[in-house]
Amino acid sequence: MEAFLLKMSEVEDPNPQDKVWMNEVRELSYDLEDAINDFMQSIGDKDEKPDGFIEKIKSSLGKLGKMKARRQIGKEIQDLKKQIIEVGERNARYKSRETFSNLLS
């Protein structure tokens, strides 16, 4: 995605279709970066060993909450991956139609 955005930023006057695709890719890259940052933040916490029974219970509940958050972030990343694939396929589909139309002209 980064290579595409760099390449498109060098084009002086991209066509409207490329501008739309560039904006979609940029937004998806921001969303993906946010999801990865959230995930890295959730795994970066160092848990200290709890001393007493109550602390162990609290620690266990905290770990369950982290597991839920990690699963949610993983699902979000998978959803973003699907969106990225859909955007790429949609662009390829429209590019092939554009090429076909140019051949008929």
PDB file of N, CA and C in Angstrom:
ATOM      1  N   MET A   1       0.829  -1.184   0.000  1.00  0.00           N
ATOM      2  CA  MET A   1       0.000   0.000   0.000  1.00  0.00           C
ATOM      3  C   MET A   1       0.874   1.248   0.000  1.00  0.00           C
ATOM      4  N   GLU A   2       1.948   1.191   0.777  1.00  0.00           N
ATOM      5  CA  GLU A   2       2.827   2.353   0.845  1.00  0.00           C
ATOM      6  C   GLU A   2       3.481   2.628  -0.503  1.00  0.00           C
ATOM      7  N   ALA A   3       3.920   1.571  -1.186  1.00  0.00           N
ATOM      8  CA  ALA A   3       4.555   1.738  -2.498  1.00  0.00           C
ATOM      9  C   ALA A   3       3.572   2.352  -3.498  1.00  0.00           C
ATOM     10  N   PHE A   4       2.330   1.888  -3.465  1.00  0.00           N
ATOM     11  CA  PHE A   4       1.319   2.443  -4.357  1.00  0.00           C
ATOM     12  C   PHE A   4       1.103   3.921  -4.077  1.00  0.00           C
ATOM     13  N   LEU A   5       0.974   4.277  -2.802  1.00  0.00           N
ATOM     14  CA  LEU A   5       0.729   5.671  -2.443  1.00  0.00           C
ATOM     15  C   LEU A   5       1.911   6.560  -2.835  1.00  0.00           C
ATOM     16  N   LEU A   6       3.133   6.049  -2.661  1.00  0.00           N
ATOM     17  CA  LEU A   6       4.306   6.816  -3.076  1.00  0.00           C
ATOM     18  C   LEU A   6       4.314   7.027  -4.592  1.00  0.00           C
ATOM     19  N   LYS A   7       4.006   5.960  -5.314  1.00  0.00           N
ATOM     20  CA  LYS A   7       3.977   6.043  -6.773  1.00  0.00           C
ATOM     21  C   LYS A   7       2.905   7.041  -7.231  1.00  0.00           C
ATOM     22  N   MET A   8       1.734   6.977  -6.637  1.00  0.00           N
ATOM     23  CA  MET A   8       0.642   7.864  -7.031  1.00  0.00           C
ATOM     24  C   MET A   8       0.927   9.316  -6.650  1.00  0.00           C
ATOM     25  N   SER A   9       1.690   9.536  -5.596  1.00  0.00           N
ATOM     26  CA  SER A   9       2.007  10.908  -5.201  1.00  0.00           C
ATOM     27  C   SER A   9       2.934  11.577  -6.209  1.00  0.00           C
ATOM     28  N   GLU A  10       3.628  10.784  -7.021  1.00  0.00           N
ATOM     29  CA  GLU A  10       4.527  11.322  -8.030  1.00  0.00           C
ATOM     30  C   GLU A  10       3.792  11.695  -9.319  1.00  0.00           C
ATOM     31  N   VAL A  11       2.585  11.197  -9.502  1.00  0.00           N
ATOM     32  CA  VAL A  11       1.811  11.492 -10.700  1.00  0.00           C
ATOM     33  C   VAL A  11       1.256  12.908 -10.575  1.00  0.00           C
ATOM     34  N   GLU A  12       1.495  13.729 -11.610  1.00  0.00           N
ATOM     35  CA  GLU A  12       1.077  15.132 -11.536  1.00  0.00           C
ATOM     36  C   GLU A  12      -0.435  15.303 -11.520  1.00  0.00           C
ATOM     37  N   ASP A  13      -1.114  14.671 -12.440  1.00  0.00           N
ATOM     38  CA  ASP A  13      -2.560  14.843 -12.541  1.00  0.00           C
ATOM     39  C   ASP A  13      -3.227  13.478 -12.732  1.00  0.00           C
ATOM     40  N   PRO A  14      -3.395  12.720 -11.620  1.00  0.00           N
ATOM     41  CA  PRO A  14      -4.023  11.395 -11.767  1.00  0.00           C
ATOM     42  C   PRO A  14      -5.482  11.523 -12.190  1.00  0.00           C
ATOM     43  N   ASN A  15      -5.963  10.493 -12.879  1.00  0.00           N
ATOM     44  CA  ASN A  15      -7.365  10.531 -13.299  1.00  0.00           C
ATOM     45  C   ASN A  15      -8.263  10.367 -12.066  1.00  0.00           C
ATOM     46  N   PRO A  16      -9.532  10.745 -12.183  1.00  0.00           N
ATOM     47  CA  PRO A  16     -10.445  10.698 -11.020  1.00  0.00           C
ATOM     48  C   PRO A  16     -10.553   9.306 -10.390  1.00  0.00           C
ATOM     49  N   GLN A  17     -10.525   8.271 -11.213  1.00  0.00           N
ATOM     50  CA  GLN A  17     -10.620   6.907 -10.681  1.00  0.00           C
ATOM     51  C   GLN A  17      -9.405   6.583  -9.812  1.00  0.00           C
ATOM     52  N   ASP A  18      -8.221   6.987 -10.265  1.00  0.00           N
ATOM     53  CA  ASP A  18      -7.018   6.743  -9.473  1.00  0.00           C
ATOM     54  C   ASP A  18      -7.031   7.559  -8.180  1.00  0.00           C
ATOM     55  N   LYS A  19      -7.573   8.775  -8.227  1.00  0.00           N
ATOM     56  CA  LYS A  19      -7.684   9.594  -7.015  1.00  0.00           C
ATOM     57  C   LYS A  19      -8.569   8.919  -5.977  1.00  0.00           C
ATOM     58  N   VAL A  20      -9.697   8.376  -6.430  1.00  0.00           N
ATOM     59  CA  VAL A  20     -10.610   7.683  -5.513  1.00  0.00           C
ATOM     60  C   VAL A  20      -9.918   6.474  -4.910  1.00  0.00           C
ATOM     61  N   TRP A  21      -9.240   5.709  -5.773  1.00  0.00           N
ATOM     62  CA  TRP A  21      -8.562   4.509  -5.278  1.00  0.00           C
ATOM     63  C   TRP A  21      -7.452   4.891  -4.307  1.00  0.00           C
ATOM     64  N   MET A  22      -6.718   5.951  -4.623  1.00  0.00           N
ATOM     65  CA  MET A  22      -5.644   6.400  -3.751  1.00  0.00           C
ATOM     66  C   MET A  22      -6.205   6.792  -2.379  1.00  0.00           C
ATOM     67  N   ASN A  23      -7.337   7.477  -2.353  1.00  0.00           N
ATOM     68  CA  ASN A  23      -7.957   7.853  -1.073  1.00  0.00           C
ATOM     69  C   ASN A  23      -8.423   6.635  -0.293  1.00  0.00           C
ATOM     70  N   GLU A  24      -8.990   5.640  -0.982  1.00  0.00           N
ATOM     71  CA  GLU A  24      -9.428   4.416  -0.297  1.00  0.00           C
ATOM     72  C   GLU A  24      -8.242   3.688   0.315  1.00  0.00           C
ATOM     73  N   VAL A  25      -7.166   3.563  -0.453  1.00  0.00           N
ATOM     74  CA  VAL A  25      -5.970   2.876   0.041  1.00  0.00           C
ATOM     75  C   VAL A  25      -5.378   3.635   1.221  1.00  0.00           C
ATOM     76  N   ARG A  26      -5.331   4.952   1.148  1.00  0.00           N
ATOM     77  CA  ARG A  26      -4.781   5.762   2.235  1.00  0.00           C
ATOM     78  C   ARG A  26      -5.602   5.555   3.515  1.00  0.00           C
ATOM     79  N   GLU A  27      -6.924   5.611   3.412  1.00  0.00           N
ATOM     80  CA  GLU A  27      -7.778   5.434   4.587  1.00  0.00           C
ATOM     81  C   GLU A  27      -7.620   4.037   5.188  1.00  0.00           C
ATOM     82  N   LEU A  28      -7.547   3.030   4.320  1.00  0.00           N
ATOM     83  CA  LEU A  28      -7.353   1.667   4.817  1.00  0.00           C
ATOM     84  C   LEU A  28      -5.988   1.520   5.487  1.00  0.00           C
ATOM     85  N   SER A  29      -4.977   2.178   4.950  1.00  0.00           N
ATOM     86  CA  SER A  29      -3.651   2.078   5.567  1.00  0.00           C
ATOM     87  C   SER A  29      -3.656   2.730   6.954  1.00  0.00           C
ATOM     88  N   TYR A  30      -4.386   3.845   7.102  1.00  0.00           N
ATOM     89  CA  TYR A  30      -4.500   4.471   8.425  1.00  0.00           C
ATOM     90  C   TYR A  30      -5.229   3.550   9.392  1.00  0.00           C
ATOM     91  N   ASP A  31      -6.322   2.948   8.931  1.00  0.00           N
ATOM     92  CA  ASP A  31      -7.089   2.037   9.789  1.00  0.00           C
ATOM     93  C   ASP A  31      -6.242   0.836  10.199  1.00  0.00           C
ATOM     94  N   LEU A  32      -5.493   0.304   9.256  1.00  0.00           N
ATOM     95  CA  LEU A  32      -4.644  -0.855   9.551  1.00  0.00           C
ATOM     96  C   LEU A  32      -3.545  -0.476  10.535  1.00  0.00           C
ATOM     97  N   GLU A  33      -2.952   0.678  10.350  1.00  0.00           N
ATOM     98  CA  GLU A  33      -1.915   1.139  11.265  1.00  0.00           C
ATOM     99  C   GLU A  33      -2.479   1.303  12.679  1.00  0.00           C
ATOM    100  N   ASP A  34      -3.674   1.866  12.794  1.00  0.00           N
ATOM    101  CA  ASP A  34      -4.309   2.020  14.104  1.00  0.00           C
ATOM    102  C   ASP A  34      -4.560   0.666  14.767  1.00  0.00           C
ATOM    103  N   ALA A  35      -5.048  -0.304  13.980  1.00  0.00           N
ATOM    104  CA  ALA A  35      -5.330  -1.635  14.533  1.00  0.00           C
ATOM    105  C   ALA A  35      -4.043  -2.312  14.997  1.00  0.00           C
ATOM    106  N   ILE A  36      -2.987  -2.171  14.221  1.00  0.00           N
ATOM    107  CA  ILE A  36      -1.706  -2.776  14.608  1.00  0.00           C
ATOM    108  C   ILE A  36      -1.166  -2.094  15.860  1.00  0.00           C
ATOM    109  N   ASN A  37      -1.277  -0.775  15.933  1.00  0.00           N
ATOM    110  CA  ASN A  37      -0.833  -0.070  17.140  1.00  0.00           C
ATOM    111  C   ASN A  37      -1.616  -0.517  18.363  1.00  0.00           C
ATOM    112  N   ASP A  38      -2.931  -0.685  18.216  1.00  0.00           N
ATOM    113  CA  ASP A  38      -3.753  -1.172  19.325  1.00  0.00           C
ATOM    114  C   ASP A  38      -3.294  -2.551  19.771  1.00  0.00           C
ATOM    115  N   PHE A  39      -3.020  -3.419  18.802  1.00  0.00           N
ATOM    116  CA  PHE A  39      -2.572  -4.773  19.125  1.00  0.00           C
ATOM    117  C   PHE A  39      -1.227  -4.734  19.843  1.00  0.00           C
ATOM    118  N   MET A  40      -0.296  -3.956  19.319  1.00  0.00           N
ATOM    119  CA  MET A  40       1.029  -3.882  19.935  1.00  0.00           C
ATOM    120  C   MET A  40       0.934  -3.334  21.359  1.00  0.00           C
ATOM    121  N   GLN A  41       0.040  -2.395  21.562  1.00  0.00           N
ATOM    122  CA  GLN A  41      -0.154  -1.842  22.891  1.00  0.00           C
ATOM    123  C   GLN A  41      -0.732  -2.898  23.836  1.00  0.00           C
ATOM    124  N   SER A  42      -1.636  -3.728  23.320  1.00  0.00           N
ATOM    125  CA  SER A  42      -2.261  -4.737  24.184  1.00  0.00           C
ATOM    126  C   SER A  42      -1.289  -5.852  24.560  1.00  0.00           C
ATOM    127  N   ILE A  43      -0.318  -6.161  23.707  1.00  0.00           N
ATOM    128  CA  ILE A  43       0.632  -7.226  24.059  1.00  0.00           C
ATOM    129  C   ILE A  43       1.857  -6.680  24.758  1.00  0.00           C
ATOM    130  N   GLY A  44       2.007  -5.361  24.782  1.00  0.00           N
ATOM    131  CA  GLY A  44       3.188  -4.759  25.382  1.00  0.00           C
ATOM    132  C   GLY A  44       3.151  -4.665  26.889  1.00  0.00           C
ATOM    133  N   ASP A  45       2.001  -4.920  27.481  1.00  0.00           N
ATOM    134  CA  ASP A  45       1.888  -4.811  28.940  1.00  0.00           C
ATOM    135  C   ASP A  45       2.602  -5.968  29.615  1.00  0.00           C
ATOM    136  N   LYS A  46       3.464  -5.654  30.573  1.00  0.00           N
ATOM    137  CA  LYS A  46       4.152  -6.687  31.358  1.00  0.00           C
ATOM    138  C   LYS A  46       3.369  -6.903  32.643  1.00  0.00           C
ATOM    139  N   ASP A  47       2.921  -8.120  32.826  1.00  0.00           N
ATOM    140  CA  ASP A  47       2.172  -8.439  34.037  1.00  0.00           C
ATOM    141  C   ASP A  47       3.136  -8.874  35.137  1.00  0.00           C
ATOM    142  N   GLU A  48       2.980  -8.282  36.314  1.00  0.00           N
ATOM    143  CA  GLU A  48       3.759  -8.710  37.458  1.00  0.00           C
ATOM    144  C   GLU A  48       3.013  -9.844  38.140  1.00  0.00           C
ATOM    145  N   LYS A  49       3.755 -10.693  38.826  1.00  0.00           N
ATOM    146  CA  LYS A  49       3.134 -11.813  39.522  1.00  0.00           C
ATOM    147  C   LYS A  49       2.380 -11.287  40.744  1.00  0.00           C
ATOM    148  N   PRO A  50       1.090 -11.633  40.841  1.00  0.00           N
ATOM    149  CA  PRO A  50       0.303 -11.183  41.995  1.00  0.00           C
ATOM    150  C   PRO A  50       0.708 -11.933  43.262  1.00  0.00           C
ATOM    151  N   ASP A  51       0.625 -11.217  44.409  1.00  0.00           N
ATOM    152  CA  ASP A  51       1.047 -11.813  45.673  1.00  0.00           C
ATOM    153  C   ASP A  51      -0.065 -12.569  46.387  1.00  0.00           C
ATOM    154  N   GLY A  52      -1.219 -11.972  46.524  1.00  0.00           N
ATOM    155  CA  GLY A  52      -2.274 -12.600  47.310  1.00  0.00           C
ATOM    156  C   GLY A  52      -3.360 -13.210  46.443  1.00  0.00           C
ATOM    157  N   PHE A  53      -4.312 -13.860  47.101  1.00  0.00           N
ATOM    158  CA  PHE A  53      -5.414 -14.531  46.411  1.00  0.00           C
ATOM    159  C   PHE A  53      -6.254 -13.535  45.616  1.00  0.00           C
ATOM    160  N   ILE A  54      -6.606 -12.416  46.235  1.00  0.00           N
ATOM    161  CA  ILE A  54      -7.426 -11.399  45.571  1.00  0.00           C
ATOM    162  C   ILE A  54      -6.687 -10.848  44.355  1.00  0.00           C
ATOM    163  N   GLU A  55      -5.390 -10.595  44.501  1.00  0.00           N
ATOM    164  CA  GLU A  55      -4.601 -10.087  43.384  1.00  0.00           C
ATOM    165  C   GLU A  55      -4.547 -11.095  42.246  1.00  0.00           C
ATOM    166  N   LYS A  56      -4.489 -12.391  42.593  1.00  0.00           N
ATOM    167  CA  LYS A  56      -4.477 -13.426  41.550  1.00  0.00           C
ATOM    168  C   LYS A  56      -5.803 -13.444  40.790  1.00  0.00           C
ATOM    169  N   ILE A  57      -6.906 -13.280  41.509  1.00  0.00           N
ATOM    170  CA  ILE A  57      -8.229 -13.233  40.872  1.00  0.00           C
ATOM    171  C   ILE A  57      -8.306 -12.020  39.946  1.00  0.00           C
ATOM    172  N   LYS A  58      -7.889 -10.863  40.460  1.00  0.00           N
ATOM    173  CA  LYS A  58      -7.901  -9.645  39.639  1.00  0.00           C
ATOM    174  C   LYS A  58      -7.011  -9.811  38.404  1.00  0.00           C
ATOM    175  N   SER A  59      -5.863 -10.436  38.606  1.00  0.00           N
ATOM    176  CA  SER A  59      -4.937 -10.645  37.487  1.00  0.00           C
ATOM    177  C   SER A  59      -5.556 -11.561  36.435  1.00  0.00           C
ATOM    178  N   SER A  60      -6.230 -12.618  36.887  1.00  0.00           N
ATOM    179  CA  SER A  60      -6.876 -13.548  35.965  1.00  0.00           C
ATOM    180  C   SER A  60      -7.981 -12.863  35.176  1.00  0.00           C
ATOM    181  N   LEU A  61      -8.783 -12.052  35.850  1.00  0.00           N
ATOM    182  CA  LEU A  61      -9.846 -11.317  35.169  1.00  0.00           C
ATOM    183  C   LEU A  61      -9.260 -10.318  34.166  1.00  0.00           C
ATOM    184  N   GLY A  62      -8.160  -9.690  34.543  1.00  0.00           N
ATOM    185  CA  GLY A  62      -7.497  -8.751  33.639  1.00  0.00           C
ATOM    186  C   GLY A  62      -6.978  -9.448  32.388  1.00  0.00           C
ATOM    187  N   LYS A  63      -6.448 -10.665  32.562  1.00  0.00           N
ATOM    188  CA  LYS A  63      -5.945 -11.431  31.417  1.00  0.00           C
ATOM    189  C   LYS A  63      -7.084 -11.829  30.487  1.00  0.00           C
ATOM    190  N   LEU A  64      -8.239 -12.169  31.065  1.00  0.00           N
ATOM    191  CA  LEU A  64      -9.393 -12.501  30.227  1.00  0.00           C
ATOM    192  C   LEU A  64      -9.818 -11.296  29.398  1.00  0.00           C
ATOM    193  N   GLY A  65      -9.794 -10.137  30.009  1.00  0.00           N
ATOM    194  CA  GLY A  65     -10.138  -8.912  29.288  1.00  0.00           C
ATOM    195  C   GLY A  65      -9.160  -8.625  28.169  1.00  0.00           C
ATOM    196  N   LYS A  66      -7.880  -8.869  28.420  1.00  0.00           N
ATOM    197  CA  LYS A  66      -6.861  -8.668  27.386  1.00  0.00           C
ATOM    198  C   LYS A  66      -7.033  -9.659  26.244  1.00  0.00           C
ATOM    199  N   MET A  67      -7.380 -10.898  26.586  1.00  0.00           N
ATOM    200  CA  MET A  67      -7.592 -11.900  25.531  1.00  0.00           C
ATOM    201  C   MET A  67      -8.755 -11.479  24.640  1.00  0.00           C
ATOM    202  N   LYS A  68      -9.809 -10.966  25.251  1.00  0.00           N
ATOM    203  CA  LYS A  68     -10.969 -10.513  24.488  1.00  0.00           C
ATOM    204  C   LYS A  68     -10.578  -9.348  23.580  1.00  0.00           C
ATOM    205  N   ALA A  69      -9.805  -8.412  24.125  1.00  0.00           N
ATOM    206  CA  ALA A  69      -9.360  -7.259  23.336  1.00  0.00           C
ATOM    207  C   ALA A  69      -8.474  -7.707  22.178  1.00  0.00           C
ATOM    208  N   ARG A  70      -7.589  -8.651  22.430  1.00  0.00           N
ATOM    209  CA  ARG A  70      -6.700  -9.145  21.372  1.00  0.00           C
ATOM    210  C   ARG A  70      -7.491  -9.840  20.274  1.00  0.00           C
ATOM    211  N   ARG A  71      -8.495 -10.608  20.673  1.00  0.00           N
ATOM    212  CA  ARG A  71      -9.327 -11.294  19.682  1.00  0.00           C
ATOM    213  C   ARG A  71     -10.088 -10.274  18.842  1.00  0.00           C
ATOM    214  N   GLN A  72     -10.583  -9.235  19.499  1.00  0.00           N
ATOM    215  CA  GLN A  72     -11.318  -8.188  18.796  1.00  0.00           C
ATOM    216  C   GLN A  72     -10.400  -7.451  17.816  1.00  0.00           C
ATOM    217  N   ILE A  73      -9.187  -7.143  18.232  1.00  0.00           N
ATOM    218  CA  ILE A  73      -8.239  -6.462  17.357  1.00  0.00           C
ATOM    219  C   ILE A  73      -7.862  -7.368  16.185  1.00  0.00           C
ATOM    220  N   GLY A  74      -7.676  -8.664  16.455  1.00  0.00           N
ATOM    221  CA  GLY A  74      -7.381  -9.617  15.380  1.00  0.00           C
ATOM    222  C   GLY A  74      -8.503  -9.674  14.361  1.00  0.00           C
ATOM    223  N   LYS A  75      -9.740  -9.655  14.838  1.00  0.00           N
ATOM    224  CA  LYS A  75     -10.888  -9.658  13.931  1.00  0.00           C
ATOM    225  C   LYS A  75     -10.912  -8.382  13.107  1.00  0.00           C
ATOM    226  N   GLU A  76     -10.601  -7.268  13.752  1.00  0.00           N
ATOM    227  CA  GLU A  76     -10.571  -5.988  13.042  1.00  0.00           C
ATOM    228  C   GLU A  76      -9.514  -6.008  11.935  1.00  0.00           C
ATOM    229  N   ILE A  77      -8.355  -6.575  12.232  1.00  0.00           N
ATOM    230  CA  ILE A  77      -7.294  -6.668  11.216  1.00  0.00           C
ATOM    231  C   ILE A  77      -7.739  -7.570  10.074  1.00  0.00           C
ATOM    232  N   GLN A  78      -8.405  -8.678  10.369  1.00  0.00           N
ATOM    233  CA  GLN A  78      -8.906  -9.564   9.316  1.00  0.00           C
ATOM    234  C   GLN A  78      -9.943  -8.842   8.445  1.00  0.00           C
ATOM    235  N   ASP A  79     -10.826  -8.073   9.069  1.00  0.00           N
ATOM    236  CA  ASP A  79     -11.821  -7.305   8.311  1.00  0.00           C
ATOM    237  C   ASP A  79     -11.146  -6.288   7.399  1.00  0.00           C
ATOM    238  N   LEU A  80     -10.119  -5.623   7.918  1.00  0.00           N
ATOM    239  CA  LEU A  80      -9.390  -4.656   7.096  1.00  0.00           C
ATOM    240  C   LEU A  80      -8.690  -5.345   5.928  1.00  0.00           C
ATOM    241  N   LYS A  81      -8.163  -6.523   6.183  1.00  0.00           N
ATOM    242  CA  LYS A  81      -7.504  -7.286   5.110  1.00  0.00           C
ATOM    243  C   LYS A  81      -8.506  -7.601   3.996  1.00  0.00           C
ATOM    244  N   LYS A  82      -9.716  -7.999   4.374  1.00  0.00           N
ATOM    245  CA  LYS A  82     -10.755  -8.269   3.377  1.00  0.00           C
ATOM    246  C   LYS A  82     -11.090  -7.014   2.584  1.00  0.00           C
ATOM    247  N   GLN A  83     -11.182  -5.880   3.281  1.00  0.00           N
ATOM    248  CA  GLN A  83     -11.484  -4.622   2.597  1.00  0.00           C
ATOM    249  C   GLN A  83     -10.381  -4.243   1.618  1.00  0.00           C
ATOM    250  N   ILE A  84      -9.130  -4.471   2.008  1.00  0.00           N
ATOM    251  CA  ILE A  84      -8.003  -4.167   1.132  1.00  0.00           C
ATOM    252  C   ILE A  84      -8.074  -5.016  -0.126  1.00  0.00           C
ATOM    253  N   ILE A  85      -8.379  -6.294   0.033  1.00  0.00           N
ATOM    254  CA  ILE A  85      -8.506  -7.191  -1.122  1.00  0.00           C
ATOM    255  C   ILE A  85      -9.653  -6.735  -2.014  1.00  0.00           C
ATOM    256  N   GLU A  86     -10.780  -6.367  -1.412  1.00  0.00           N
ATOM    257  CA  GLU A  86     -11.937  -5.905  -2.197  1.00  0.00           C
ATOM    258  C   GLU A  86     -11.617  -4.632  -2.974  1.00  0.00           C
ATOM    259  N   VAL A  87     -10.910  -3.697  -2.352  1.00  0.00           N
ATOM    260  CA  VAL A  87     -10.538  -2.459  -3.033  1.00  0.00           C
ATOM    261  C   VAL A  87      -9.621  -2.767  -4.207  1.00  0.00           C
ATOM    262  N   GLY A  88      -8.658  -3.645  -4.001  1.00  0.00           N
ATOM    263  CA  GLY A  88      -7.748  -4.029  -5.084  1.00  0.00           C
ATOM    264  C   GLY A  88      -8.470  -4.711  -6.230  1.00  0.00           C
ATOM    265  N   GLU A  89      -9.376  -5.625  -5.897  1.00  0.00           N
ATOM    266  CA  GLU A  89     -10.138  -6.321  -6.938  1.00  0.00           C
ATOM    267  C   GLU A  89     -11.050  -5.357  -7.691  1.00  0.00           C
ATOM    268  N   ARG A  90     -11.680  -4.449  -6.959  1.00  0.00           N
ATOM    269  CA  ARG A  90     -12.558  -3.472  -7.598  1.00  0.00           C
ATOM    270  C   ARG A  90     -11.770  -2.587  -8.558  1.00  0.00           C
ATOM    271  N   ASN A  91     -10.598  -2.144  -8.130  1.00  0.00           N
ATOM    272  CA  ASN A  91      -9.773  -1.312  -8.995  1.00  0.00           C
ATOM    273  C   ASN A  91      -9.341  -2.090 -10.235  1.00  0.00           C
ATOM    274  N   ALA A  92      -8.927  -3.334 -10.068  1.00  0.00           N
ATOM    275  CA  ALA A  92      -8.513  -4.152 -11.211  1.00  0.00           C
ATOM    276  C   ALA A  92      -9.681  -4.344 -12.173  1.00  0.00           C
ATOM    277  N   ARG A  93     -10.859  -4.546 -11.636  1.00  0.00           N
ATOM    278  CA  ARG A  93     -12.051  -4.744 -12.457  1.00  0.00           C
ATOM    279  C   ARG A  93     -12.342  -3.491 -13.292  1.00  0.00           C
ATOM    280  N   TYR A  94     -12.282  -2.329 -12.648  1.00  0.00           N
ATOM    281  CA  TYR A  94     -12.559  -1.091 -13.371  1.00  0.00           C
ATOM    282  C   TYR A  94     -11.445  -0.738 -14.339  1.00  0.00           C
ATOM    283  N   LYS A  95     -10.209  -1.051 -13.997  1.00  0.00           N
ATOM    284  CA  LYS A  95      -9.092  -0.797 -14.910  1.00  0.00           C
ATOM    285  C   LYS A  95      -9.235  -1.656 -16.163  1.00  0.00           C
ATOM    286  N   SER A  96      -9.654  -2.918 -15.985  1.00  0.00           N
ATOM    287  CA  SER A  96      -9.809  -3.794 -17.149  1.00  0.00           C
ATOM    288  C   SER A  96     -10.958  -3.309 -18.030  1.00  0.00           C
ATOM    289  N   ARG A  97     -12.018  -2.791 -17.421  1.00  0.00           N
ATOM    290  CA  ARG A  97     -13.133  -2.234 -18.196  1.00  0.00           C
ATOM    291  C   ARG A  97     -12.675  -0.997 -18.967  1.00  0.00           C
ATOM    292  N   GLU A  98     -11.856  -0.175 -18.311  1.00  0.00           N
ATOM    293  CA  GLU A  98     -11.353   1.035 -18.948  1.00  0.00           C
ATOM    294  C   GLU A  98     -10.470   0.668 -20.146  1.00  0.00           C
ATOM    295  N   THR A  99      -9.615  -0.327 -19.987  1.00  0.00           N
ATOM    296  CA  THR A  99      -8.754  -0.785 -21.076  1.00  0.00           C
ATOM    297  C   THR A  99      -9.586  -1.326 -22.220  1.00  0.00           C
ATOM    298  N   PHE A 100     -10.610  -2.108 -21.905  1.00  0.00           N
ATOM    299  CA  PHE A 100     -11.492  -2.680 -22.908  1.00  0.00           C
ATOM    300  C   PHE A 100     -12.221  -1.564 -23.666  1.00  0.00           C
ATOM    301  N   SER A 101     -12.694  -0.541 -22.931  1.00  0.00           N
ATOM    302  CA  SER A 101     -13.383   0.582 -23.574  1.00  0.00           C
ATOM    303  C   SER A 101     -12.440   1.336 -24.512  1.00  0.00           C
ATOM    304  N   ASN A 102     -11.186   1.483 -24.093  1.00  0.00           N
ATOM    305  CA  ASN A 102     -10.205   2.176 -24.939  1.00  0.00           C
ATOM    306  C   ASN A 102      -9.921   1.386 -26.219  1.00  0.00           C
ATOM    307  N   LEU A 103      -9.960   0.055 -26.121  1.00  0.00           N
ATOM    308  CA  LEU A 103      -9.730  -0.780 -27.302  1.00  0.00           C
ATOM    309  C   LEU A 103     -10.877  -0.646 -28.306  1.00  0.00           C
ATOM    310  N   LEU A 104     -12.097  -0.460 -27.780  1.00  0.00           N
ATOM    311  CA  LEU A 104     -13.252  -0.331 -28.664  1.00  0.00           C
ATOM    312  C   LEU A 104     -13.326   1.040 -29.327  1.00  0.00           C
ATOM    313  N   SER A 105     -12.684   2.027 -28.718  1.00  0.00           N
ATOM    314  CA  SER A 105     -12.757   3.390 -29.249  1.00  0.00           C
ATOM    315  C   SER A 105     -11.928   3.565 -30.502  1.00  0.00           C
TER     316      SER A 105
END
